[in-house]
Amino acid sequence: MLNELFPNVVIEDLLVATGETFYMTLLALVGTVIIGVLLGLLLYLTSNGGLWENKILNFIVATIVNVFR
């Protein structure tokens, strides 16, 4: 039935492409989580009263986060 609806689609290629899409999405998700956690920790630690209090670095990181948000 699927071949009747989509005669030009090869099921094996569709499965390979779907797997590659999930793989790329997973890599992007992992990279985003790692970078997000690092930036969040850096913002927290460099804020007022933080362990590494640094207004200049906090301002730079906050600006980068706000631009991409």
Protein backbone atom coordinates (compact mmCIF):
# COMPACT_ATOMS: atom_id res chain seq x y z
CA MET A 1 0.00 0.00 0.00
CA LEU A 2 2.82 2.40 0.82
CA ASN A 3 4.36 1.76 -2.59
CA GLU A 4 1.07 2.70 -4.22
CA LEU A 5 0.91 6.03 -2.38
CA PHE A 6 4.61 6.89 -2.76
CA PRO A 7 6.00 4.98 -5.75
CA ASN A 8 9.32 6.87 -5.83
CA VAL A 9 10.19 6.32 -2.16
CA VAL A 10 12.60 3.55 -1.21
CA ILE A 11 11.73 2.39 2.30
CA GLU A 12 15.33 1.46 3.16
CA ASP A 13 16.53 4.97 2.23
CA LEU A 14 13.72 6.47 4.27
CA LEU A 15 14.76 4.48 7.34
CA VAL A 16 18.41 5.48 6.90
CA ALA A 17 17.46 9.16 6.52
CA THR A 18 15.24 8.99 9.61
CA GLY A 19 18.08 7.49 11.64
CA GLU A 20 20.48 10.18 10.45
CA THR A 21 17.96 12.88 11.39
CA PHE A 22 17.61 11.48 14.91
CA TYR A 23 21.40 11.27 15.20
CA MET A 24 21.89 14.92 14.15
CA THR A 25 19.12 16.05 16.49
CA LEU A 26 20.65 14.13 19.40
CA LEU A 27 24.09 15.63 18.76
CA ALA A 28 22.64 19.14 18.62
CA LEU A 29 20.70 18.52 21.84
CA VAL A 30 23.76 17.23 23.71
CA GLY A 31 25.91 20.12 22.49
CA THR A 32 23.25 22.67 23.44
CA VAL A 33 22.83 21.22 26.92
CA ILE A 34 26.59 21.18 27.56
CA ILE A 35 27.11 24.75 26.34
CA GLY A 36 23.98 25.94 28.17
CA VAL A 37 25.05 24.44 31.48
CA LEU A 38 28.54 25.90 31.15
CA LEU A 39 27.20 29.37 30.31
CA GLY A 40 24.65 29.16 33.13
CA LEU A 41 27.29 28.18 35.66
CA LEU A 42 29.57 30.94 34.43
CA LEU A 43 26.76 33.48 34.79
CA TYR A 44 25.92 32.23 38.28
CA LEU A 45 29.50 32.09 39.52
CA THR A 46 30.46 35.53 38.17
CA SER A 47 27.34 37.33 39.47
CA ASN A 48 27.34 39.61 42.51
CA GLY A 49 28.16 37.52 45.57
CA GLY A 50 29.29 34.57 43.45
CA LEU A 51 32.48 32.62 44.02
CA TRP A 52 34.19 34.19 40.99
CA GLU A 53 32.56 37.62 41.17
CA ASN A 54 33.55 39.43 37.99
CA LYS A 55 31.26 42.14 36.60
CA ILE A 56 33.00 42.44 33.24
CA LEU A 57 32.96 38.71 32.48
CA ASN A 58 29.38 38.45 33.74
CA PHE A 59 28.32 41.30 31.45
CA ILE A 60 30.02 39.71 28.43
CA VAL A 61 28.50 36.27 29.04
CA ALA A 62 25.06 37.75 29.78
CA THR A 63 25.21 39.73 26.53
CA ILE A 64 26.12 36.60 24.54
CA VAL A 65 23.29 34.65 26.20
CA ASN A 66 20.76 37.42 25.55
CA VAL A 67 21.77 37.76 21.90
CA PHE A 68 21.24 34.07 21.23
CA ARG A 69 18.10 33.82 23.34
